[in-house]
Amino acid sequence: MSKPKQNHPTTNAIRALKQAGVAFEVIPYKYEEHGGTRHSAEQLGVDEHCMIKTLIMENEAREPMIVLMHGDREVSTKNLARFLGTKSVRPCDPEVANKHSGYFVGGTSPLGTRRKMPVYAEATIFDLPEIHINAGHRGLMLRLDPKDLHEALEITPVDVAIA
């Protein structure tokens, strides 16, 4: 993977990867409101399973966390709550998620967030040869080795995917 070209915004996520010394590629694409990972996978010509969505969730005490999941899977909040030993886990409202992450929903990255939050990732993400994950700006993806993402972030692997 080459160094990122500078014809795109430099985000906190890109700065965090550079600081961690991680190899990555920045790939712009045409963002579509509510298009999700299906749209971005089509735009980039990659399998939606390799598109990793960054979800900002919270437990019943409103403590935020980041959950990384395959684009074609959903999170079992019941299984995640059980894993964490909490009563419940739910997605944050978009405005709350924006405050915690410092990014707008649709452009959320697990890297360079405003607030440090625990990061949980579906374990099978690390079996993939490469992933695409948001670069911290709508219409901007990062392509990298998932093992490098694991090195750049403190990630707890979990098994909470629903097909």
N, C-alpha and C. Protein backbone atom coordinates (compact mmCIF):
# COMPACT_ATOMS: atom_id res chain seq x y z
N MET A 1 0.84 -1.19 0.00
CA MET A 1 0.00 0.00 0.00
C MET A 1 0.88 1.24 0.00
N SER A 2 0.46 2.21 -0.71
CA SER A 2 1.25 3.41 -0.85
C SER A 2 0.86 4.45 0.19
N LYS A 3 1.66 5.48 0.23
CA LYS A 3 1.35 6.59 1.13
C LYS A 3 0.10 7.30 0.60
N PRO A 4 -0.70 7.87 1.52
CA PRO A 4 -1.91 8.53 1.07
C PRO A 4 -1.61 9.77 0.23
N LYS A 5 -2.41 9.97 -0.81
CA LYS A 5 -2.29 11.17 -1.62
C LYS A 5 -2.96 12.32 -0.86
N GLN A 6 -2.52 13.51 -1.12
CA GLN A 6 -3.03 14.65 -0.36
C GLN A 6 -4.16 15.39 -1.07
N ASN A 7 -4.90 14.72 -1.98
CA ASN A 7 -6.03 15.38 -2.64
C ASN A 7 -7.33 15.07 -1.91
N HIS A 8 -7.23 14.84 -0.62
CA HIS A 8 -8.37 14.55 0.24
C HIS A 8 -8.14 15.22 1.58
N PRO A 9 -9.18 15.34 2.40
CA PRO A 9 -8.98 15.92 3.73
C PRO A 9 -8.07 15.02 4.58
N THR A 10 -7.24 15.63 5.39
CA THR A 10 -6.46 14.87 6.35
C THR A 10 -7.28 14.85 7.64
N THR A 11 -7.69 13.67 8.04
CA THR A 11 -8.56 13.53 9.21
C THR A 11 -7.75 13.07 10.41
N ASN A 12 -8.37 13.11 11.58
CA ASN A 12 -7.73 12.59 12.78
C ASN A 12 -7.41 11.11 12.64
N ALA A 13 -8.25 10.37 11.92
CA ALA A 13 -8.01 8.94 11.70
C ALA A 13 -6.73 8.74 10.89
N ILE A 14 -6.55 9.51 9.84
CA ILE A 14 -5.35 9.41 9.01
C ILE A 14 -4.12 9.80 9.83
N ARG A 15 -4.23 10.86 10.62
CA ARG A 15 -3.11 11.27 11.48
C ARG A 15 -2.75 10.17 12.47
N ALA A 16 -3.77 9.50 13.04
CA ALA A 16 -3.52 8.43 14.02
C ALA A 16 -2.79 7.26 13.38
N LEU A 17 -3.16 6.89 12.14
CA LEU A 17 -2.48 5.80 11.46
C LEU A 17 -1.04 6.17 11.12
N LYS A 18 -0.83 7.41 10.67
CA LYS A 18 0.53 7.86 10.37
C LYS A 18 1.39 7.80 11.64
N GLN A 19 0.81 8.27 12.74
CA GLN A 19 1.54 8.27 14.01
C GLN A 19 1.87 6.85 14.46
N ALA A 20 0.98 5.90 14.18
CA ALA A 20 1.20 4.50 14.55
C ALA A 20 2.15 3.79 13.58
N GLY A 21 2.49 4.46 12.46
CA GLY A 21 3.39 3.86 11.49
C GLY A 21 2.77 2.73 10.68
N VAL A 22 1.45 2.82 10.51
CA VAL A 22 0.70 1.77 9.82
C VAL A 22 0.61 2.07 8.32
N ALA A 23 0.79 1.04 7.49
CA ALA A 23 0.62 1.20 6.04
C ALA A 23 -0.87 1.20 5.72
N PHE A 24 -1.29 2.14 4.88
CA PHE A 24 -2.70 2.24 4.51
C PHE A 24 -2.81 3.01 3.20
N GLU A 25 -3.99 2.90 2.61
CA GLU A 25 -4.29 3.66 1.41
C GLU A 25 -5.60 4.39 1.64
N VAL A 26 -5.67 5.64 1.25
CA VAL A 26 -6.89 6.43 1.34
C VAL A 26 -7.60 6.36 0.00
N ILE A 27 -8.89 6.00 0.05
CA ILE A 27 -9.66 5.84 -1.18
C ILE A 27 -10.94 6.67 -1.11
N PRO A 28 -11.03 7.72 -1.93
CA PRO A 28 -12.28 8.49 -1.97
C PRO A 28 -13.35 7.73 -2.76
N TYR A 29 -14.60 7.97 -2.41
CA TYR A 29 -15.73 7.39 -3.15
C TYR A 29 -16.90 8.36 -3.05
N LYS A 30 -17.91 8.14 -3.88
CA LYS A 30 -19.08 9.02 -3.89
C LYS A 30 -20.01 8.61 -2.74
N TYR A 31 -20.05 9.44 -1.72
CA TYR A 31 -20.88 9.17 -0.54
C TYR A 31 -22.36 9.34 -0.88
N GLU A 32 -23.17 8.47 -0.33
CA GLU A 32 -24.63 8.57 -0.50
C GLU A 32 -25.27 8.49 0.88
N GLU A 33 -26.08 9.49 1.23
CA GLU A 33 -26.79 9.52 2.51
C GLU A 33 -27.59 8.24 2.68
N HIS A 34 -27.41 7.58 3.80
CA HIS A 34 -28.08 6.31 4.13
C HIS A 34 -27.72 5.17 3.18
N GLY A 35 -26.63 5.30 2.44
CA GLY A 35 -26.21 4.24 1.51
C GLY A 35 -25.55 3.06 2.22
N GLY A 36 -24.94 3.35 3.37
CA GLY A 36 -24.33 2.29 4.17
C GLY A 36 -23.18 1.58 3.48
N THR A 37 -22.82 0.44 4.05
CA THR A 37 -21.69 -0.31 3.53
C THR A 37 -21.99 -0.94 2.17
N ARG A 38 -23.25 -1.20 1.89
CA ARG A 38 -23.60 -1.78 0.58
C ARG A 38 -23.20 -0.80 -0.52
N HIS A 39 -23.56 0.47 -0.34
CA HIS A 39 -23.24 1.49 -1.34
C HIS A 39 -21.73 1.67 -1.47
N SER A 40 -21.04 1.80 -0.35
CA SER A 40 -19.59 2.03 -0.43
C SER A 40 -18.88 0.81 -1.03
N ALA A 41 -19.35 -0.40 -0.72
CA ALA A 41 -18.75 -1.61 -1.31
C ALA A 41 -18.94 -1.61 -2.83
N GLU A 42 -20.13 -1.23 -3.28
CA GLU A 42 -20.39 -1.15 -4.72
C GLU A 42 -19.49 -0.10 -5.37
N GLN A 43 -19.38 1.06 -4.73
CA GLN A 43 -18.55 2.14 -5.26
C GLN A 43 -17.08 1.72 -5.40
N LEU A 44 -16.60 0.93 -4.42
CA LEU A 44 -15.19 0.54 -4.41
C LEU A 44 -14.93 -0.80 -5.08
N GLY A 45 -16.02 -1.51 -5.43
CA GLY A 45 -15.86 -2.80 -6.08
C GLY A 45 -15.29 -3.88 -5.18
N VAL A 46 -15.68 -3.85 -3.90
CA VAL A 46 -15.19 -4.85 -2.95
C VAL A 46 -16.37 -5.56 -2.28
N ASP A 47 -16.09 -6.71 -1.69
CA ASP A 47 -17.08 -7.50 -0.97
C ASP A 47 -17.54 -6.71 0.27
N GLU A 48 -18.84 -6.62 0.46
CA GLU A 48 -19.37 -5.88 1.62
C GLU A 48 -18.88 -6.47 2.94
N HIS A 49 -18.55 -7.75 2.95
CA HIS A 49 -18.04 -8.39 4.17
C HIS A 49 -16.71 -7.77 4.61
N CYS A 50 -15.96 -7.21 3.67
CA CYS A 50 -14.66 -6.59 3.96
C CYS A 50 -14.79 -5.10 4.29
N MET A 51 -16.00 -4.56 4.16
CA MET A 51 -16.27 -3.18 4.57
C MET A 51 -16.59 -3.23 6.06
N ILE A 52 -15.83 -2.53 6.86
CA ILE A 52 -16.02 -2.59 8.30
C ILE A 52 -16.70 -1.32 8.78
N LYS A 53 -17.87 -1.51 9.41
CA LYS A 53 -18.58 -0.33 9.92
C LYS A 53 -18.17 -0.07 11.36
N THR A 54 -18.11 1.22 11.68
CA THR A 54 -17.76 1.68 13.02
C THR A 54 -19.03 2.16 13.69
N LEU A 55 -19.43 1.48 14.74
CA LEU A 55 -20.66 1.79 15.45
C LEU A 55 -20.34 2.33 16.84
N ILE A 56 -20.98 3.44 17.20
CA ILE A 56 -20.83 3.98 18.55
C ILE A 56 -22.05 3.52 19.33
N MET A 57 -21.80 2.74 20.38
CA MET A 57 -22.88 2.19 21.19
C MET A 57 -22.67 2.60 22.64
N GLU A 58 -23.66 2.30 23.46
CA GLU A 58 -23.55 2.62 24.89
C GLU A 58 -24.26 1.55 25.70
N ASN A 59 -23.80 1.41 26.96
CA ASN A 59 -24.48 0.48 27.86
C ASN A 59 -25.57 1.23 28.63
N GLU A 60 -26.22 0.54 29.57
CA GLU A 60 -27.33 1.17 30.28
C GLU A 60 -26.90 2.37 31.12
N ALA A 61 -25.61 2.44 31.46
CA ALA A 61 -25.08 3.59 32.21
C ALA A 61 -24.65 4.71 31.27
N ARG A 62 -24.95 4.55 29.98
CA ARG A 62 -24.62 5.51 28.93
C ARG A 62 -23.12 5.67 28.71
N GLU A 63 -22.36 4.63 29.06
CA GLU A 63 -20.92 4.62 28.82
C GLU A 63 -20.70 4.17 27.37
N PRO A 64 -20.02 5.01 26.57
CA PRO A 64 -19.88 4.71 25.14
C PRO A 64 -18.79 3.69 24.86
N MET A 65 -18.94 3.04 23.71
CA MET A 65 -17.96 2.09 23.23
C MET A 65 -18.01 2.09 21.70
N ILE A 66 -16.96 1.59 21.10
CA ILE A 66 -16.90 1.44 19.65
C ILE A 66 -17.02 -0.04 19.34
N VAL A 67 -17.87 -0.36 18.36
CA VAL A 67 -18.00 -1.75 17.91
C VAL A 67 -17.72 -1.77 16.41
N LEU A 68 -16.79 -2.62 16.00
CA LEU A 68 -16.44 -2.79 14.59
C LEU A 68 -17.07 -4.08 14.09
N MET A 69 -17.80 -3.97 12.98
CA MET A 69 -18.54 -5.13 12.47
C MET A 69 -18.44 -5.17 10.95
N HIS A 70 -18.46 -6.40 10.41
CA HIS A 70 -18.53 -6.58 8.96
C HIS A 70 -19.74 -5.82 8.42
N GLY A 71 -19.60 -5.26 7.23
CA GLY A 71 -20.69 -4.49 6.64
C GLY A 71 -21.95 -5.29 6.38
N ASP A 72 -21.80 -6.59 6.14
CA ASP A 72 -22.97 -7.42 5.84
C ASP A 72 -23.49 -8.17 7.05
N ARG A 73 -23.10 -7.75 8.25
CA ARG A 73 -23.55 -8.38 9.49
C ARG A 73 -24.09 -7.32 10.44
N GLU A 74 -24.89 -7.76 11.38
CA GLU A 74 -25.40 -6.89 12.43
C GLU A 74 -24.80 -7.32 13.76
N VAL A 75 -24.88 -6.44 14.76
CA VAL A 75 -24.38 -6.73 16.10
C VAL A 75 -25.53 -7.28 16.95
N SER A 76 -25.30 -8.41 17.59
CA SER A 76 -26.24 -8.90 18.59
C SER A 76 -25.95 -8.12 19.87
N THR A 77 -26.79 -7.12 20.14
CA THR A 77 -26.57 -6.30 21.34
C THR A 77 -26.76 -7.15 22.60
N LYS A 78 -27.62 -8.15 22.52
CA LYS A 78 -27.83 -9.05 23.66
C LYS A 78 -26.55 -9.83 23.98
N ASN A 79 -25.91 -10.37 22.94
CA ASN A 79 -24.67 -11.12 23.15
C ASN A 79 -23.53 -10.21 23.58
N LEU A 80 -23.49 -8.99 23.04
CA LEU A 80 -22.44 -8.05 23.44
C LEU A 80 -22.63 -7.66 24.91
N ALA A 81 -23.86 -7.38 25.33
CA ALA A 81 -24.13 -7.05 26.73
C ALA A 81 -23.73 -8.21 27.64
N ARG A 82 -24.05 -9.42 27.23
CA ARG A 82 -23.69 -10.61 28.01
C ARG A 82 -22.17 -10.70 28.13
N PHE A 83 -21.45 -10.49 27.01
CA PHE A 83 -19.98 -10.52 27.02
C PHE A 83 -19.42 -9.47 27.98
N LEU A 84 -20.01 -8.28 27.97
CA LEU A 84 -19.52 -7.16 28.79
C LEU A 84 -19.98 -7.24 30.24
N GLY A 85 -20.96 -8.11 30.51
CA GLY A 85 -21.49 -8.21 31.86
C GLY A 85 -22.36 -7.02 32.23
N THR A 86 -23.05 -6.45 31.25
CA THR A 86 -23.95 -5.32 31.50
C THR A 86 -25.38 -5.73 31.16
N LYS A 87 -26.33 -4.92 31.61
CA LYS A 87 -27.74 -5.23 31.35
C LYS A 87 -28.09 -5.10 29.88
N SER A 88 -27.59 -4.03 29.25
CA SER A 88 -27.97 -3.79 27.86
C SER A 88 -26.91 -2.98 27.14
N VAL A 89 -26.96 -3.08 25.82
CA VAL A 89 -26.13 -2.28 24.92
C VAL A 89 -27.04 -1.84 23.80
N ARG A 90 -26.91 -0.58 23.40
CA ARG A 90 -27.72 -0.08 22.29
C ARG A 90 -26.91 0.95 21.50
N PRO A 91 -27.29 1.16 20.24
CA PRO A 91 -26.62 2.21 19.47
C PRO A 91 -26.90 3.58 20.08
N CYS A 92 -25.94 4.45 20.05
CA CYS A 92 -26.13 5.83 20.51
C CYS A 92 -26.98 6.57 19.48
N ASP A 93 -27.73 7.55 19.93
CA ASP A 93 -28.39 8.46 19.00
C ASP A 93 -27.30 9.14 18.17
N PRO A 94 -27.58 9.46 16.91
CA PRO A 94 -26.54 10.06 16.05
C PRO A 94 -25.85 11.29 16.66
N GLU A 95 -26.61 12.18 17.29
CA GLU A 95 -26.00 13.39 17.88
C GLU A 95 -25.03 13.01 19.01
N VAL A 96 -25.40 12.03 19.80
CA VAL A 96 -24.55 11.57 20.91
C VAL A 96 -23.31 10.89 20.35
N ALA A 97 -23.50 10.05 19.33
CA ALA A 97 -22.37 9.37 18.69
C ALA A 97 -21.38 10.39 18.12
N ASN A 98 -21.90 11.44 17.48
CA ASN A 98 -21.06 12.50 16.92
C ASN A 98 -20.23 13.16 18.02
N LYS A 99 -20.85 13.42 19.18
CA LYS A 99 -20.15 14.06 20.30
C LYS A 99 -19.03 13.18 20.82
N HIS A 100 -19.30 11.91 21.00
CA HIS A 100 -18.29 10.99 21.53
C HIS A 100 -17.13 10.81 20.56
N SER A 101 -17.44 10.65 19.28
CA SER A 101 -16.39 10.31 18.31
C SER A 101 -15.69 11.53 17.72
N GLY A 102 -16.42 12.64 17.62
CA GLY A 102 -15.87 13.80 16.93
C GLY A 102 -16.07 13.72 15.43
N TYR A 103 -16.75 12.69 14.96
CA TYR A 103 -17.05 12.49 13.55
C TYR A 103 -18.55 12.53 13.34
N PHE A 104 -18.98 12.79 12.10
CA PHE A 104 -20.40 12.72 11.76
C PHE A 104 -20.75 11.29 11.39
N VAL A 105 -21.92 10.84 11.80
CA VAL A 105 -22.40 9.51 11.41
C VAL A 105 -22.35 9.43 9.89
N GLY A 106 -21.85 8.32 9.38
CA GLY A 106 -21.61 8.16 7.94
C GLY A 106 -20.15 8.41 7.61
N GLY A 107 -19.42 8.95 8.56
CA GLY A 107 -17.99 9.21 8.40
C GLY A 107 -17.21 8.84 9.64
N THR A 108 -17.78 8.00 10.50
CA THR A 108 -17.16 7.67 11.77
C THR A 108 -16.04 6.66 11.60
N SER A 109 -14.91 6.96 12.21
CA SER A 109 -13.76 6.06 12.23
C SER A 109 -13.46 5.69 13.68
N PRO A 110 -12.90 4.50 13.91
CA PRO A 110 -12.51 4.15 15.27
C PRO A 110 -11.19 4.81 15.68
N LEU A 111 -10.52 5.41 14.72
CA LEU A 111 -9.20 6.02 14.94
C LEU A 111 -9.34 7.52 15.16
N GLY A 112 -8.55 8.05 16.06
CA GLY A 112 -8.52 9.50 16.27
C GLY A 112 -9.80 10.08 16.80
N THR A 113 -10.52 9.32 17.62
CA THR A 113 -11.79 9.81 18.17
C THR A 113 -11.54 10.90 19.21
N ARG A 114 -12.55 11.75 19.38
CA ARG A 114 -12.48 12.85 20.34
C ARG A 114 -12.32 12.29 21.76
N ARG A 115 -13.10 11.25 22.05
CA ARG A 115 -13.10 10.64 23.38
C ARG A 115 -12.53 9.22 23.26
N LYS A 116 -11.65 8.86 24.18
CA LYS A 116 -11.13 7.49 24.19
C LYS A 116 -12.24 6.56 24.69
N MET A 117 -12.52 5.53 23.88
CA MET A 117 -13.56 4.57 24.22
C MET A 117 -13.01 3.17 24.01
N PRO A 118 -13.52 2.20 24.76
CA PRO A 118 -13.11 0.82 24.48
C PRO A 118 -13.58 0.42 23.08
N VAL A 119 -12.76 -0.41 22.42
CA VAL A 119 -13.07 -0.84 21.06
C VAL A 119 -13.24 -2.36 21.05
N TYR A 120 -14.38 -2.81 20.54
CA TYR A 120 -14.68 -4.23 20.39
C TYR A 120 -14.85 -4.49 18.90
N ALA A 121 -14.27 -5.60 18.43
CA ALA A 121 -14.35 -5.91 17.00
C ALA A 121 -14.72 -7.38 16.83
N GLU A 122 -15.59 -7.63 15.87
CA GLU A 122 -15.93 -9.01 15.53
C GLU A 122 -14.61 -9.72 15.19
N ALA A 123 -14.35 -10.82 15.86
CA ALA A 123 -13.06 -11.52 15.75
C ALA A 123 -12.71 -11.92 14.32
N THR A 124 -13.70 -12.27 13.51
CA THR A 124 -13.43 -12.74 12.15
C THR A 124 -12.91 -11.64 11.22
N ILE A 125 -13.01 -10.38 11.65
CA ILE A 125 -12.43 -9.28 10.87
C ILE A 125 -10.93 -9.51 10.68
N PHE A 126 -10.28 -10.07 11.70
CA PHE A 126 -8.83 -10.23 11.66
C PHE A 126 -8.38 -11.43 10.83
N ASP A 127 -9.34 -12.19 10.30
CA ASP A 127 -9.04 -13.29 9.38
C ASP A 127 -8.96 -12.80 7.93
N LEU A 128 -9.43 -11.58 7.67
CA LEU A 128 -9.46 -11.04 6.31
C LEU A 128 -8.07 -10.56 5.89
N PRO A 129 -7.73 -10.66 4.60
CA PRO A 129 -6.42 -10.18 4.15
C PRO A 129 -6.32 -8.64 4.16
N GLU A 130 -7.45 -7.96 3.92
CA GLU A 130 -7.48 -6.50 4.00
C GLU A 130 -8.91 -6.06 4.27
N ILE A 131 -9.03 -4.86 4.84
CA ILE A 131 -10.35 -4.31 5.14
C ILE A 131 -10.43 -2.88 4.62
N HIS A 132 -11.66 -2.41 4.51
CA HIS A 132 -11.94 -1.00 4.20
C HIS A 132 -12.73 -0.46 5.38
N ILE A 133 -12.26 0.64 5.93
CA ILE A 133 -12.90 1.24 7.10
C ILE A 133 -12.90 2.75 6.91
N ASN A 134 -13.87 3.41 7.50
CA ASN A 134 -14.01 4.84 7.28
C ASN A 134 -12.78 5.61 7.75
N ALA A 135 -12.43 6.64 6.98
CA ALA A 135 -11.26 7.46 7.27
C ALA A 135 -11.58 8.69 8.10
N GLY A 136 -12.82 8.79 8.58
CA GLY A 136 -13.17 9.94 9.42
C GLY A 136 -13.81 11.08 8.65
N HIS A 137 -14.25 10.78 7.43
CA HIS A 137 -14.91 11.80 6.61
C HIS A 137 -15.83 11.06 5.65
N ARG A 138 -17.04 11.58 5.46
CA ARG A 138 -17.96 10.95 4.52
C ARG A 138 -17.35 10.95 3.13
N GLY A 139 -17.35 9.77 2.49
CA GLY A 139 -16.78 9.65 1.15
C GLY A 139 -15.30 9.35 1.14
N LEU A 140 -14.76 8.88 2.25
CA LEU A 140 -13.33 8.60 2.34
C LEU A 140 -13.11 7.31 3.13
N MET A 141 -12.49 6.33 2.47
CA MET A 141 -12.22 5.04 3.09
C MET A 141 -10.72 4.82 3.24
N LEU A 142 -10.38 3.96 4.18
CA LEU A 142 -9.01 3.50 4.36
C LEU A 142 -8.95 2.03 3.99
N ARG A 143 -7.95 1.64 3.25
CA ARG A 143 -7.71 0.22 2.96
C ARG A 143 -6.45 -0.16 3.72
N LEU A 144 -6.54 -1.20 4.55
CA LEU A 144 -5.39 -1.62 5.33
C LEU A 144 -5.53 -3.07 5.78
N ASP A 145 -4.46 -3.58 6.31
CA ASP A 145 -4.44 -4.93 6.88
C ASP A 145 -5.12 -4.84 8.25
N PRO A 146 -6.09 -5.72 8.52
CA PRO A 146 -6.78 -5.64 9.82
C PRO A 146 -5.84 -5.86 11.00
N LYS A 147 -4.76 -6.59 10.81
CA LYS A 147 -3.80 -6.80 11.90
C LYS A 147 -3.11 -5.48 12.25
N ASP A 148 -2.91 -4.62 11.24
CA ASP A 148 -2.33 -3.30 11.50
C ASP A 148 -3.31 -2.43 12.29
N LEU A 149 -4.60 -2.55 11.98
CA LEU A 149 -5.61 -1.81 12.75
C LEU A 149 -5.57 -2.26 14.20
N HIS A 150 -5.42 -3.57 14.40
CA HIS A 150 -5.35 -4.14 15.75
C HIS A 150 -4.15 -3.56 16.50
N GLU A 151 -3.04 -3.33 15.79
CA GLU A 151 -1.85 -2.75 16.42
C GLU A 151 -2.04 -1.27 16.73
N ALA A 152 -2.80 -0.56 15.89
CA ALA A 152 -3.00 0.88 16.07
C ALA A 152 -4.01 1.19 17.18
N LEU A 153 -4.88 0.24 17.47
CA LEU A 153 -5.92 0.43 18.49
C LEU A 153 -5.88 -0.70 19.51
N GLU A 154 -6.30 -0.41 20.71
CA GLU A 154 -6.49 -1.47 21.70
C GLU A 154 -7.87 -2.06 21.43
N ILE A 155 -7.89 -3.27 20.84
CA ILE A 155 -9.14 -3.88 20.42
C ILE A 155 -9.36 -5.17 21.18
N THR A 156 -10.60 -5.37 21.65
CA THR A 156 -11.00 -6.62 22.25
C THR A 156 -11.83 -7.38 21.22
N PRO A 157 -11.36 -8.53 20.74
CA PRO A 157 -12.16 -9.31 19.80
C PRO A 157 -13.39 -9.92 20.48
N VAL A 158 -14.51 -9.95 19.77
CA VAL A 158 -15.76 -10.51 20.28
C VAL A 158 -16.41 -11.35 19.20
N ASP A 159 -17.38 -12.17 19.61
CA ASP A 159 -18.15 -12.99 18.67
C ASP A 159 -19.62 -12.63 18.87
N VAL A 160 -20.06 -11.55 18.20
CA VAL A 160 -21.42 -11.03 18.41
C VAL A 160 -22.15 -10.73 17.11
N ALA A 161 -21.69 -11.34 16.00
CA ALA A 161 -22.29 -11.05 14.69
C ALA A 161 -23.57 -11.84 14.48
N ILE A 162 -24.51 -11.20 13.80
CA ILE A 162 -25.72 -11.84 13.32
C ILE A 162 -25.70 -11.68 11.80
N ALA A 163 -25.94 -12.78 11.08
CA ALA A 163 -25.92 -12.73 9.61
C ALA A 163 -27.11 -11.96 9.10
